Amino acid sequence: MNLSVLGAGAWGTALALQASERHAVRLWARDAEQAQAMQRERRNERYLPGVALPDALRIDSDFDTALEHARGGLVIVATPMSGLAETLKRLPADAPGVLWLCKGFQKGTGWLGHEIARAVCPQARVGVLSGPSFAIEVARGRPTALVAASTDTALCDEAVAALHSDNLRIYTSSDPVGVEVGGAVKNVLAIATGIADGMQLGLNARAALVTRGLAEMTRLGMALGAQAETFMGLSGLGDLVLTATGDLSRNRKVGLLLAEGQSLAQILRELGHVAEGVYSAAMVLRRAQSRSVEMPITEAVVAVLEGAATPKQAVERLMGREARPEH
């Protein structure tokens, strides 16, 4: 099968690397100099330092060539959420099946990936690939499980055929809404747990945040049409636990540094990579409020990110909420 991965960041490169062991894969990089350097040096030192790229993996910066390569195969969009709409708009009417890897709500509209696709390419066969996964571990061949979600059953089957391997298990789901909500909201909750850990509030507090955060995620997902059981799976609980507790998590790192008193602007400069939770938090809260869904942890994170509350004040507000039934 021919695969084209659009986006040569850490996650796109890692997935292209793994898929190239069994398929003809072309990795598209927006920056021509980056593409030439990767093709020549067989490295992506900016995003995956120290990881060798297989000779079979072709890297270039010609978008049309990358799409032509995937004809009859599969396109995987590995841009940040901010670039998804632009990339989908460039797809031809007869494009093959498309899966995206980005997790978040689009800034401004508050749309999830499937809502963006419905607006810009309504006839395309689309879905999302998500789950608990740090790119560097995928690149190194560490065991990982993901879920391909789409209302198009055939597309899910194509994702399995393209990506399922000894080191990468691909499950399927007919609930792209739930998978996308889980992938987006967990980033915001990871910032919250990073703040709690940075303040040294303890393991009890971390467990409470993860558990109550999962409840928030589920409430919002169901209000948007998702299935409740999706949030007990890889893209819900699985991704939440990884991102909220893993030391490789960029969103968790943002929370840790906020707890140290660093400004958000300084943190983002030093981070050097996209932390989607920072850009999605306000959109998550807006979507929740539009459906009268209560998300107090998300609300606290937004207050800290926007400078309306310090981490200490946000924690005090959460702990000061009145008692209520758990469910």
C-alpha atoms as a PDB file:
ATOM      1  CA  MET A   1       0.000   0.000   0.000  1.00  0.00           C
ATOM      2  CA  ASN A   2       1.171   3.544  -0.755  1.00  0.00           C
ATOM      3  CA  LEU A   3       0.997   6.000   2.139  1.00  0.00           C
ATOM      4  CA  SER A   4       1.676   9.718   2.257  1.00  0.00           C
ATOM      5  CA  VAL A   5       2.199  11.431   5.613  1.00  0.00           C
ATOM      6  CA  LEU A   6       1.616  15.185   5.430  1.00  0.00           C
ATOM      7  CA  GLY A   7       3.655  16.862   8.138  1.00  0.00           C
ATOM      8  CA  ALA A   8       7.207  16.081   9.264  1.00  0.00           C
ATOM      9  CA  GLY A   9       6.943  16.886  12.939  1.00  0.00           C
ATOM     10  CA  ALA A  10       7.683  14.299  15.604  1.00  0.00           C
ATOM     11  CA  TRP A  11       4.469  12.302  15.290  1.00  0.00           C
ATOM     12  CA  GLY A  12       4.266  12.350  11.509  1.00  0.00           C
ATOM     13  CA  THR A  13       7.900  11.310  11.172  1.00  0.00           C
ATOM     14  CA  ALA A  14       7.528   8.525  13.744  1.00  0.00           C
ATOM     15  CA  LEU A  15       4.477   7.039  12.051  1.00  0.00           C
ATOM     16  CA  ALA A  16       6.033   7.330   8.595  1.00  0.00           C
ATOM     17  CA  LEU A  17       9.160   5.602   9.883  1.00  0.00           C
ATOM     18  CA  GLN A  18       7.179   2.671  11.263  1.00  0.00           C
ATOM     19  CA  ALA A  19       4.931   2.313   8.202  1.00  0.00           C
ATOM     20  CA  SER A  20       7.886   2.401   5.806  1.00  0.00           C
ATOM     21  CA  GLU A  21       9.012  -0.993   7.101  1.00  0.00           C
ATOM     22  CA  ARG A  22       6.116  -2.597   5.197  1.00  0.00           C
ATOM     23  CA  HIS A  23       4.801  -0.026   2.729  1.00  0.00           C
ATOM     24  CA  ALA A  24       5.957   2.601   0.245  1.00  0.00           C
ATOM     25  CA  VAL A  25       5.771   5.806   2.298  1.00  0.00           C
ATOM     26  CA  ARG A  26       6.392   9.420   1.341  1.00  0.00           C
ATOM     27  CA  LEU A  27       6.787  12.007   4.112  1.00  0.00           C
ATOM     28  CA  TRP A  28       5.919  15.585   3.146  1.00  0.00           C
ATOM     29  CA  ALA A  29       7.643  18.488   4.922  1.00  0.00           C
ATOM     30  CA  ARG A  30       6.353  22.015   4.387  1.00  0.00           C
ATOM     31  CA  ASP A  31       9.868  23.468   4.596  1.00  0.00           C
ATOM     32  CA  ALA A  32      11.994  22.569   1.557  1.00  0.00           C
ATOM     33  CA  GLU A  33      15.283  22.954   3.435  1.00  0.00           C
ATOM     34  CA  GLN A  34      14.068  20.662   6.201  1.00  0.00           C
ATOM     35  CA  ALA A  35      12.972  18.067   3.650  1.00  0.00           C
ATOM     36  CA  GLN A  36      16.325  18.176   1.872  1.00  0.00           C
ATOM     37  CA  ALA A  37      18.244  17.884   5.133  1.00  0.00           C
ATOM     38  CA  MET A  38      16.148  14.925   6.294  1.00  0.00           C
ATOM     39  CA  GLN A  39      16.475  13.180   2.936  1.00  0.00           C
ATOM     40  CA  ARG A  40      20.231  13.725   2.909  1.00  0.00           C
ATOM     41  CA  GLU A  41      21.079  13.057   6.566  1.00  0.00           C
ATOM     42  CA  ARG A  42      18.380  10.434   7.296  1.00  0.00           C
ATOM     43  CA  ARG A  43      17.524  12.234  10.531  1.00  0.00           C
ATOM     44  CA  ASN A  44      14.868  14.607  11.864  1.00  0.00           C
ATOM     45  CA  GLU A  45      17.084  16.196  14.473  1.00  0.00           C
ATOM     46  CA  ARG A  46      14.633  18.961  15.344  1.00  0.00           C
ATOM     47  CA  TYR A  47      11.801  16.665  16.377  1.00  0.00           C
ATOM     48  CA  LEU A  48      13.265  13.154  16.805  1.00  0.00           C
ATOM     49  CA  PRO A  49      16.955  13.607  17.649  1.00  0.00           C
ATOM     50  CA  GLY A  50      19.064  10.476  17.457  1.00  0.00           C
ATOM     51  CA  VAL A  51      16.536   8.422  15.476  1.00  0.00           C
ATOM     52  CA  ALA A  52      17.712   7.088  12.120  1.00  0.00           C
ATOM     53  CA  LEU A  53      15.270   7.188   9.211  1.00  0.00           C
ATOM     54  CA  PRO A  54      15.158   4.063   7.019  1.00  0.00           C
ATOM     55  CA  ASP A  55      16.487   4.371   3.497  1.00  0.00           C
ATOM     56  CA  ALA A  56      13.108   3.313   2.117  1.00  0.00           C
ATOM     57  CA  LEU A  57      11.390   6.430   3.497  1.00  0.00           C
ATOM     58  CA  ARG A  58      11.248   9.248   0.916  1.00  0.00           C
ATOM     59  CA  ILE A  59      11.050  12.834   2.196  1.00  0.00           C
ATOM     60  CA  ASP A  60      10.240  15.851   0.029  1.00  0.00           C
ATOM     61  CA  SER A  61       8.398  19.173   0.053  1.00  0.00           C
ATOM     62  CA  ASP A  62       6.192  18.830  -3.036  1.00  0.00           C
ATOM     63  CA  PHE A  63       2.605  18.544  -1.841  1.00  0.00           C
ATOM     64  CA  ASP A  64       1.118  17.409  -5.150  1.00  0.00           C
ATOM     65  CA  THR A  65       3.731  14.698  -5.545  1.00  0.00           C
ATOM     66  CA  ALA A  66       2.958  13.409  -2.073  1.00  0.00           C
ATOM     67  CA  LEU A  67      -0.762  13.232  -2.875  1.00  0.00           C
ATOM     68  CA  GLU A  68      -0.146  11.504  -6.191  1.00  0.00           C
ATOM     69  CA  HIS A  69       1.964   8.892  -4.416  1.00  0.00           C
ATOM     70  CA  ALA A  70      -0.967   8.030  -2.124  1.00  0.00           C
ATOM     71  CA  ARG A  71      -3.464   7.498  -4.931  1.00  0.00           C
ATOM     72  CA  GLY A  72      -5.234   4.233  -4.199  1.00  0.00           C
ATOM     73  CA  GLY A  73      -3.654   4.174  -0.746  1.00  0.00           C
ATOM     74  CA  LEU A  74      -3.961   6.340   2.354  1.00  0.00           C
ATOM     75  CA  VAL A  75      -3.191   9.935   3.352  1.00  0.00           C
ATOM     76  CA  ILE A  76      -2.275  10.707   6.960  1.00  0.00           C
ATOM     77  CA  VAL A  77      -2.402  14.368   8.005  1.00  0.00           C
ATOM     78  CA  ALA A  78       0.166  15.047  10.730  1.00  0.00           C
ATOM     79  CA  THR A  79      -0.086  18.828  11.007  1.00  0.00           C
ATOM     80  CA  PRO A  80      -1.072  20.645  14.211  1.00  0.00           C
ATOM     81  CA  MET A  81      -4.807  21.303  14.577  1.00  0.00           C
ATOM     82  CA  SER A  82      -4.231  24.841  13.320  1.00  0.00           C
ATOM     83  CA  GLY A  83      -3.118  23.445   9.955  1.00  0.00           C
ATOM     84  CA  LEU A  84      -5.798  20.792   9.445  1.00  0.00           C
ATOM     85  CA  ALA A  85      -8.335  22.924   7.561  1.00  0.00           C
ATOM     86  CA  GLU A  86      -5.720  24.318   5.180  1.00  0.00           C
ATOM     87  CA  THR A  87      -4.398  20.832   4.434  1.00  0.00           C
ATOM     88  CA  LEU A  88      -7.832  19.323   3.848  1.00  0.00           C
ATOM     89  CA  LYS A  89      -8.737  22.168   1.491  1.00  0.00           C
ATOM     90  CA  ARG A  90      -5.803  21.195  -0.728  1.00  0.00           C
ATOM     91  CA  LEU A  91      -7.038  17.643  -1.232  1.00  0.00           C
ATOM     92  CA  PRO A  92      -8.486  16.872  -4.683  1.00  0.00           C
ATOM     93  CA  ALA A  93     -12.031  15.587  -5.082  1.00  0.00           C
ATOM     94  CA  ASP A  94     -10.756  12.088  -5.807  1.00  0.00           C
ATOM     95  CA  ALA A  95      -8.375  11.942  -2.832  1.00  0.00           C
ATOM     96  CA  PRO A  96      -7.914   8.566  -1.114  1.00  0.00           C
ATOM     97  CA  GLY A  97      -8.995   7.950   2.465  1.00  0.00           C
ATOM     98  CA  VAL A  98      -7.657  10.498   4.949  1.00  0.00           C
ATOM     99  CA  LEU A  99      -6.803  10.128   8.638  1.00  0.00           C
ATOM    100  CA  TRP A 100      -5.542  12.958  10.829  1.00  0.00           C
ATOM    101  CA  LEU A 101      -3.364  12.700  13.930  1.00  0.00           C
ATOM    102  CA  CYS A 102      -3.924  16.148  15.465  1.00  0.00           C
ATOM    103  CA  LYS A 103      -5.823  16.498  18.725  1.00  0.00           C
ATOM    104  CA  GLY A 104      -7.684  19.620  19.719  1.00  0.00           C
ATOM    105  CA  PHE A 105     -10.415  22.129  18.968  1.00  0.00           C
ATOM    106  CA  GLN A 106      -9.835  24.617  16.169  1.00  0.00           C
ATOM    107  CA  LYS A 107      -9.099  28.096  17.445  1.00  0.00           C
ATOM    108  CA  GLY A 108     -11.944  30.486  16.675  1.00  0.00           C
ATOM    109  CA  THR A 109     -14.613  28.034  15.549  1.00  0.00           C
ATOM    110  CA  GLY A 110     -14.104  25.519  18.358  1.00  0.00           C
ATOM    111  CA  TRP A 111     -14.559  22.728  15.810  1.00  0.00           C
ATOM    112  CA  LEU A 112     -13.191  19.224  16.122  1.00  0.00           C
ATOM    113  CA  GLY A 113     -11.487  17.556  13.168  1.00  0.00           C
ATOM    114  CA  HIS A 114     -14.615  15.862  11.831  1.00  0.00           C
ATOM    115  CA  GLU A 115     -16.467  19.194  11.916  1.00  0.00           C
ATOM    116  CA  ILE A 116     -13.659  20.883   9.991  1.00  0.00           C
ATOM    117  CA  ALA A 117     -13.735  18.104   7.393  1.00  0.00           C
ATOM    118  CA  ARG A 118     -17.498  18.355   7.041  1.00  0.00           C
ATOM    119  CA  ALA A 119     -17.132  22.056   6.263  1.00  0.00           C
ATOM    120  CA  VAL A 120     -14.176  21.983   3.842  1.00  0.00           C
ATOM    121  CA  CYS A 121     -14.307  18.549   2.168  1.00  0.00           C
ATOM    122  CA  PRO A 122     -17.727  17.000   2.835  1.00  0.00           C
ATOM    123  CA  GLN A 123     -17.335  14.260   0.207  1.00  0.00           C
ATOM    124  CA  ALA A 124     -13.977  12.974   1.471  1.00  0.00           C
ATOM    125  CA  ARG A 125     -13.543   9.670   3.280  1.00  0.00           C
ATOM    126  CA  VAL A 126     -12.106  10.796   6.605  1.00  0.00           C
ATOM    127  CA  GLY A 127     -11.321   9.669  10.115  1.00  0.00           C
ATOM    128  CA  VAL A 128      -9.003  10.162  13.064  1.00  0.00           C
ATOM    129  CA  LEU A 129      -6.097   8.127  14.421  1.00  0.00           C
ATOM    130  CA  SER A 130      -5.554   8.711  18.125  1.00  0.00           C
ATOM    131  CA  GLY A 131      -4.586   7.123  21.405  1.00  0.00           C
ATOM    132  CA  PRO A 132      -1.867   7.112  24.082  1.00  0.00           C
ATOM    133  CA  SER A 133       1.347   7.632  22.156  1.00  0.00           C
ATOM    134  CA  PHE A 134       4.575   9.563  22.564  1.00  0.00           C
ATOM    135  CA  ALA A 135       6.201   9.954  19.153  1.00  0.00           C
ATOM    136  CA  ILE A 136       9.711   9.054  20.294  1.00  0.00           C
ATOM    137  CA  GLU A 137       8.518   5.694  21.636  1.00  0.00           C
ATOM    138  CA  VAL A 138       6.710   4.889  18.387  1.00  0.00           C
ATOM    139  CA  ALA A 139       9.829   5.837  16.439  1.00  0.00           C
ATOM    140  CA  ARG A 140      11.912   3.482  18.581  1.00  0.00           C
ATOM    141  CA  GLY A 141       9.509   0.616  18.023  1.00  0.00           C
ATOM    142  CA  ARG A 142       8.125   0.490  21.567  1.00  0.00           C
ATOM    143  CA  PRO A 143       4.742  -1.317  21.856  1.00  0.00           C
ATOM    144  CA  THR A 144       1.873   1.133  21.241  1.00  0.00           C
ATOM    145  CA  ALA A 145      -1.881   0.823  20.746  1.00  0.00           C
ATOM    146  CA  LEU A 146      -3.972   3.343  18.805  1.00  0.00           C
ATOM    147  CA  VAL A 147      -7.562   3.588  17.603  1.00  0.00           C
ATOM    148  CA  ALA A 148      -8.692   4.490  14.085  1.00  0.00           C
ATOM    149  CA  ALA A 149     -12.155   6.026  14.220  1.00  0.00           C
ATOM    150  CA  SER A 150     -14.501   6.798  11.358  1.00  0.00           C
ATOM    151  CA  THR A 151     -18.095   6.299  10.307  1.00  0.00           C
ATOM    152  CA  ASP A 152     -16.528   4.744   7.190  1.00  0.00           C
ATOM    153  CA  THR A 153     -15.860   1.132   8.198  1.00  0.00           C
ATOM    154  CA  ALA A 154     -13.762   0.483   5.103  1.00  0.00           C
ATOM    155  CA  LEU A 155     -11.440   3.357   6.012  1.00  0.00           C
ATOM    156  CA  CYS A 156     -10.877   1.872   9.466  1.00  0.00           C
ATOM    157  CA  ASP A 157      -9.993  -1.429   7.823  1.00  0.00           C
ATOM    158  CA  GLU A 158      -7.544   0.357   5.534  1.00  0.00           C
ATOM    159  CA  ALA A 159      -5.887   1.954   8.561  1.00  0.00           C
ATOM    160  CA  VAL A 160      -5.417  -1.474  10.114  1.00  0.00           C
ATOM    161  CA  ALA A 161      -3.955  -2.857   6.888  1.00  0.00           C
ATOM    162  CA  ALA A 162      -1.571   0.087   6.614  1.00  0.00           C
ATOM    163  CA  LEU A 163      -0.374   0.471  10.181  1.00  0.00           C
ATOM    164  CA  HIS A 164      -1.037  -2.636  12.289  1.00  0.00           C
ATOM    165  CA  SER A 165       2.284  -4.372  13.010  1.00  0.00           C
ATOM    166  CA  ASP A 166       4.252  -6.229  15.662  1.00  0.00           C
ATOM    167  CA  ASN A 167       4.906  -2.993  17.566  1.00  0.00           C
ATOM    168  CA  LEU A 168       1.779  -1.019  16.699  1.00  0.00           C
ATOM    169  CA  ARG A 169      -1.724  -2.307  17.404  1.00  0.00           C
ATOM    170  CA  ILE A 170      -4.568  -0.535  15.627  1.00  0.00           C
ATOM    171  CA  TYR A 171      -8.069  -0.894  17.062  1.00  0.00           C
ATOM    172  CA  THR A 172     -11.117   0.471  15.254  1.00  0.00           C
ATOM    173  CA  SER A 173     -14.063   2.576  16.362  1.00  0.00           C
ATOM    174  CA  SER A 174     -17.219   3.946  14.766  1.00  0.00           C
ATOM    175  CA  ASP A 175     -17.211   6.902  17.197  1.00  0.00           C
ATOM    176  CA  PRO A 176     -14.910   9.619  15.800  1.00  0.00           C
ATOM    177  CA  VAL A 177     -16.639  12.247  17.955  1.00  0.00           C
ATOM    178  CA  GLY A 178     -15.712  10.470  21.176  1.00  0.00           C
ATOM    179  CA  VAL A 179     -12.186   9.711  20.012  1.00  0.00           C
ATOM    180  CA  GLU A 180     -11.635  13.353  19.070  1.00  0.00           C
ATOM    181  CA  VAL A 181     -13.110  14.746  22.292  1.00  0.00           C
ATOM    182  CA  GLY A 182     -10.882  12.435  24.318  1.00  0.00           C
ATOM    183  CA  GLY A 183      -7.785  13.428  22.375  1.00  0.00           C
ATOM    184  CA  ALA A 184      -8.541  17.134  22.753  1.00  0.00           C
ATOM    185  CA  VAL A 185      -9.696  17.371  26.370  1.00  0.00           C
ATOM    186  CA  LYS A 186      -6.916  15.203  27.801  1.00  0.00           C
ATOM    187  CA  ASN A 187      -4.389  17.873  26.805  1.00  0.00           C
ATOM    188  CA  VAL A 188      -6.175  20.445  28.950  1.00  0.00           C
ATOM    189  CA  LEU A 189      -6.401  18.018  31.858  1.00  0.00           C
ATOM    190  CA  ALA A 190      -2.688  17.258  31.527  1.00  0.00           C
ATOM    191  CA  ILE A 191      -1.960  20.934  32.138  1.00  0.00           C
ATOM    192  CA  ALA A 192      -4.066  20.690  35.300  1.00  0.00           C
ATOM    193  CA  THR A 193      -2.196  17.649  36.616  1.00  0.00           C
ATOM    194  CA  GLY A 194       1.111  19.278  35.729  1.00  0.00           C
ATOM    195  CA  ILE A 195       0.129  22.292  37.838  1.00  0.00           C
ATOM    196  CA  ALA A 196      -0.861  20.034  40.740  1.00  0.00           C
ATOM    197  CA  ASP A 197       2.373  18.062  40.547  1.00  0.00           C
ATOM    198  CA  GLY A 198       4.416  21.239  40.232  1.00  0.00           C
ATOM    199  CA  MET A 199       2.775  22.529  43.402  1.00  0.00           C
ATOM    200  CA  GLN A 200       3.604  19.180  45.064  1.00  0.00           C
ATOM    201  CA  LEU A 201      -0.020  18.563  46.008  1.00  0.00           C
ATOM    202  CA  GLY A 202       0.581  14.806  46.125  1.00  0.00           C
ATOM    203  CA  LEU A 203      -0.550  11.619  44.442  1.00  0.00           C
ATOM    204  CA  ASN A 204      -4.045  11.820  45.955  1.00  0.00           C
ATOM    205  CA  ALA A 205      -4.615  15.123  44.183  1.00  0.00           C
ATOM    206  CA  ARG A 206      -3.286  13.728  40.905  1.00  0.00           C
ATOM    207  CA  ALA A 207      -5.640  10.732  41.087  1.00  0.00           C
ATOM    208  CA  ALA A 208      -8.584  13.007  41.853  1.00  0.00           C
ATOM    209  CA  LEU A 209      -7.791  15.276  38.913  1.00  0.00           C
ATOM    210  CA  VAL A 210      -7.464  12.371  36.478  1.00  0.00           C
ATOM    211  CA  THR A 211     -10.700  10.785  37.682  1.00  0.00           C
ATOM    212  CA  ARG A 212     -12.792  13.931  37.783  1.00  0.00           C
ATOM    213  CA  GLY A 213     -11.185  15.063  34.539  1.00  0.00           C
ATOM    214  CA  LEU A 214     -12.359  11.864  32.893  1.00  0.00           C
ATOM    215  CA  ALA A 215     -15.879  12.687  34.115  1.00  0.00           C
ATOM    216  CA  GLU A 216     -15.645  16.147  32.518  1.00  0.00           C
ATOM    217  CA  MET A 217     -14.384  14.650  29.258  1.00  0.00           C
ATOM    218  CA  THR A 218     -17.221  12.134  29.180  1.00  0.00           C
ATOM    219  CA  ARG A 219     -19.910  14.724  29.897  1.00  0.00           C
ATOM    220  CA  LEU A 220     -18.741  16.966  27.078  1.00  0.00           C
ATOM    221  CA  GLY A 221     -18.354  14.065  24.660  1.00  0.00           C
ATOM    222  CA  MET A 222     -21.836  12.745  25.270  1.00  0.00           C
ATOM    223  CA  ALA A 223     -23.288  16.240  24.873  1.00  0.00           C
ATOM    224  CA  LEU A 224     -21.610  16.381  21.447  1.00  0.00           C
ATOM    225  CA  GLY A 225     -22.957  12.976  20.412  1.00  0.00           C
ATOM    226  CA  ALA A 226     -20.218  10.570  21.509  1.00  0.00           C
ATOM    227  CA  GLN A 227     -20.634   7.122  23.025  1.00  0.00           C
ATOM    228  CA  ALA A 228     -19.875   6.879  26.751  1.00  0.00           C
ATOM    229  CA  GLU A 229     -17.808   3.671  26.419  1.00  0.00           C
ATOM    230  CA  THR A 230     -15.319   5.419  24.126  1.00  0.00           C
ATOM    231  CA  PHE A 231     -13.956   7.350  27.092  1.00  0.00           C
ATOM    232  CA  MET A 232     -12.977   4.171  28.907  1.00  0.00           C
ATOM    233  CA  GLY A 233     -10.808   3.220  25.920  1.00  0.00           C
ATOM    234  CA  LEU A 234      -7.477   4.181  24.408  1.00  0.00           C
ATOM    235  CA  SER A 235      -8.425   7.687  23.294  1.00  0.00           C
ATOM    236  CA  GLY A 236     -10.126   8.525  26.587  1.00  0.00           C
ATOM    237  CA  LEU A 237      -8.723   7.068  29.780  1.00  0.00           C
ATOM    238  CA  GLY A 238      -5.628   5.683  28.056  1.00  0.00           C
ATOM    239  CA  ASP A 239      -4.498   8.954  26.503  1.00  0.00           C
ATOM    240  CA  LEU A 240      -5.462  10.913  29.610  1.00  0.00           C
ATOM    241  CA  VAL A 241      -3.313   8.771  31.915  1.00  0.00           C
ATOM    242  CA  LEU A 242      -0.325   8.944  29.561  1.00  0.00           C
ATOM    243  CA  THR A 243      -0.475  12.681  28.937  1.00  0.00           C
ATOM    244  CA  ALA A 244      -1.277  13.637  32.523  1.00  0.00           C
ATOM    245  CA  THR A 245       1.485  11.552  34.116  1.00  0.00           C
ATOM    246  CA  GLY A 246       4.168  10.947  31.465  1.00  0.00           C
ATOM    247  CA  ASP A 247       7.359  12.965  31.672  1.00  0.00           C
ATOM    248  CA  LEU A 248       7.441  13.284  27.860  1.00  0.00           C
ATOM    249  CA  SER A 249       4.116  15.158  27.843  1.00  0.00           C
ATOM    250  CA  ARG A 250       4.406  18.736  26.582  1.00  0.00           C
ATOM    251  CA  ASN A 251       1.073  19.729  28.122  1.00  0.00           C
ATOM    252  CA  ARG A 252       2.072  18.349  31.511  1.00  0.00           C
ATOM    253  CA  LYS A 253       5.333  20.295  31.183  1.00  0.00           C
ATOM    254  CA  VAL A 254       3.372  23.502  30.642  1.00  0.00           C
ATOM    255  CA  GLY A 255       1.517  22.891  33.905  1.00  0.00           C
ATOM    256  CA  LEU A 256       4.713  22.131  35.822  1.00  0.00           C
ATOM    257  CA  LEU A 257       6.320  25.366  34.654  1.00  0.00           C
ATOM    258  CA  LEU A 258       3.193  27.415  35.376  1.00  0.00           C
ATOM    259  CA  ALA A 259       3.317  26.085  38.937  1.00  0.00           C
ATOM    260  CA  GLU A 260       6.914  27.348  39.171  1.00  0.00           C
ATOM    261  CA  GLY A 261       5.687  30.844  38.370  1.00  0.00           C
ATOM    262  CA  GLN A 262       6.924  31.097  34.787  1.00  0.00           C
ATOM    263  CA  SER A 263       4.835  33.118  32.352  1.00  0.00           C
ATOM    264  CA  LEU A 264       2.975  31.294  29.604  1.00  0.00           C
ATOM    265  CA  ALA A 265       4.828  33.268  26.926  1.00  0.00           C
ATOM    266  CA  GLN A 266       8.186  32.227  28.361  1.00  0.00           C
ATOM    267  CA  ILE A 267       7.112  28.593  28.625  1.00  0.00           C
ATOM    268  CA  LEU A 268       5.995  28.421  25.008  1.00  0.00           C
ATOM    269  CA  ARG A 269       9.242  29.998  23.805  1.00  0.00           C
ATOM    270  CA  GLU A 270      11.320  27.452  25.695  1.00  0.00           C
ATOM    271  CA  LEU A 271       9.124  24.471  24.822  1.00  0.00           C
ATOM    272  CA  GLY A 272       9.854  24.657  21.100  1.00  0.00           C
ATOM    273  CA  HIS A 273       6.965  22.314  20.234  1.00  0.00           C
ATOM    274  CA  VAL A 274       3.194  22.701  20.032  1.00  0.00           C
ATOM    275  CA  ALA A 275       1.307  22.035  23.280  1.00  0.00           C
ATOM    276  CA  GLU A 276      -2.237  21.715  21.932  1.00  0.00           C
ATOM    277  CA  GLY A 277      -3.878  22.058  25.338  1.00  0.00           C
ATOM    278  CA  VAL A 278      -2.793  25.685  25.552  1.00  0.00           C
ATOM    279  CA  TYR A 279      -4.621  26.535  22.334  1.00  0.00           C
ATOM    280  CA  SER A 280      -7.610  24.255  22.894  1.00  0.00           C
ATOM    281  CA  ALA A 281      -8.502  25.031  26.511  1.00  0.00           C
ATOM    282  CA  ALA A 282     -10.631  28.100  25.854  1.00  0.00           C
ATOM    283  CA  MET A 283     -12.373  26.345  22.944  1.00  0.00           C
ATOM    284  CA  VAL A 284     -13.126  23.292  25.116  1.00  0.00           C
ATOM    285  CA  LEU A 285     -14.697  25.542  27.737  1.00  0.00           C
ATOM    286  CA  ARG A 286     -16.687  27.452  25.121  1.00  0.00           C
ATOM    287  CA  ARG A 287     -18.101  24.254  23.622  1.00  0.00           C
ATOM    288  CA  ALA A 288     -18.972  23.014  27.110  1.00  0.00           C
ATOM    289  CA  GLN A 289     -20.749  26.228  28.044  1.00  0.00           C
ATOM    290  CA  SER A 290     -22.705  26.182  24.795  1.00  0.00           C
ATOM    291  CA  ARG A 291     -24.116  22.789  25.844  1.00  0.00           C
ATOM    292  CA  SER A 292     -24.502  23.697  29.545  1.00  0.00           C
ATOM    293  CA  VAL A 293     -21.853  21.129  30.465  1.00  0.00           C
ATOM    294  CA  GLU A 294     -20.045  21.797  33.726  1.00  0.00           C
ATOM    295  CA  MET A 295     -16.234  21.464  33.452  1.00  0.00           C
ATOM    296  CA  PRO A 296     -14.682  23.049  36.574  1.00  0.00           C
ATOM    297  CA  ILE A 297     -11.163  21.667  36.028  1.00  0.00           C
ATOM    298  CA  THR A 298     -11.099  22.975  32.482  1.00  0.00           C
ATOM    299  CA  GLU A 299     -12.434  26.308  33.709  1.00  0.00           C
ATOM    300  CA  ALA A 300      -9.612  26.491  36.269  1.00  0.00           C
ATOM    301  CA  VAL A 301      -6.978  25.755  33.614  1.00  0.00           C
ATOM    302  CA  VAL A 302      -8.358  28.480  31.345  1.00  0.00           C
ATOM    303  CA  ALA A 303      -8.259  30.966  34.225  1.00  0.00           C
ATOM    304  CA  VAL A 304      -4.577  30.195  34.860  1.00  0.00           C
ATOM    305  CA  LEU A 305      -3.632  30.308  31.174  1.00  0.00           C
ATOM    306  CA  GLU A 306      -5.378  33.649  30.725  1.00  0.00           C
ATOM    307  CA  GLY A 307      -3.831  35.123  33.876  1.00  0.00           C
ATOM    308  CA  ALA A 308      -7.183  35.464  35.646  1.00  0.00           C
ATOM    309  CA  ALA A 309      -6.027  33.231  38.515  1.00  0.00           C
ATOM    310  CA  THR A 310      -2.775  31.928  39.944  1.00  0.00           C
ATOM    311  CA  PRO A 311      -2.309  28.166  40.238  1.00  0.00           C
ATOM    312  CA  LYS A 312      -2.868  28.458  44.001  1.00  0.00           C
ATOM    313  CA  GLN A 313      -6.117  30.395  43.534  1.00  0.00           C
ATOM    314  CA  ALA A 314      -7.350  27.893  40.941  1.00  0.00           C
ATOM    315  CA  VAL A 315      -6.771  24.984  43.326  1.00  0.00           C
ATOM    316  CA  GLU A 316      -8.534  26.832  46.155  1.00  0.00           C
ATOM    317  CA  ARG A 317     -11.567  27.411  43.931  1.00  0.00           C
ATOM    318  CA  LEU A 318     -11.752  23.745  42.960  1.00  0.00           C
ATOM    319  CA  MET A 319     -11.441  22.546  46.542  1.00  0.00           C
ATOM    320  CA  GLY A 320     -13.971  25.121  47.724  1.00  0.00           C
ATOM    321  CA  ARG A 321     -16.768  23.805  45.505  1.00  0.00           C
ATOM    322  CA  GLU A 322     -19.796  22.496  47.344  1.00  0.00           C
ATOM    323  CA  ALA A 323     -20.187  18.749  47.928  1.00  0.00           C
ATOM    324  CA  ARG A 324     -22.334  16.775  45.485  1.00  0.00           C
ATOM    325  CA  PRO A 325     -23.027  13.202  44.354  1.00  0.00           C
ATOM    326  CA  GLU A 326     -20.182  11.654  42.341  1.00  0.00           C
ATOM    327  CA  HIS A 327     -22.435  10.579  39.455  1.00  0.00           C
END
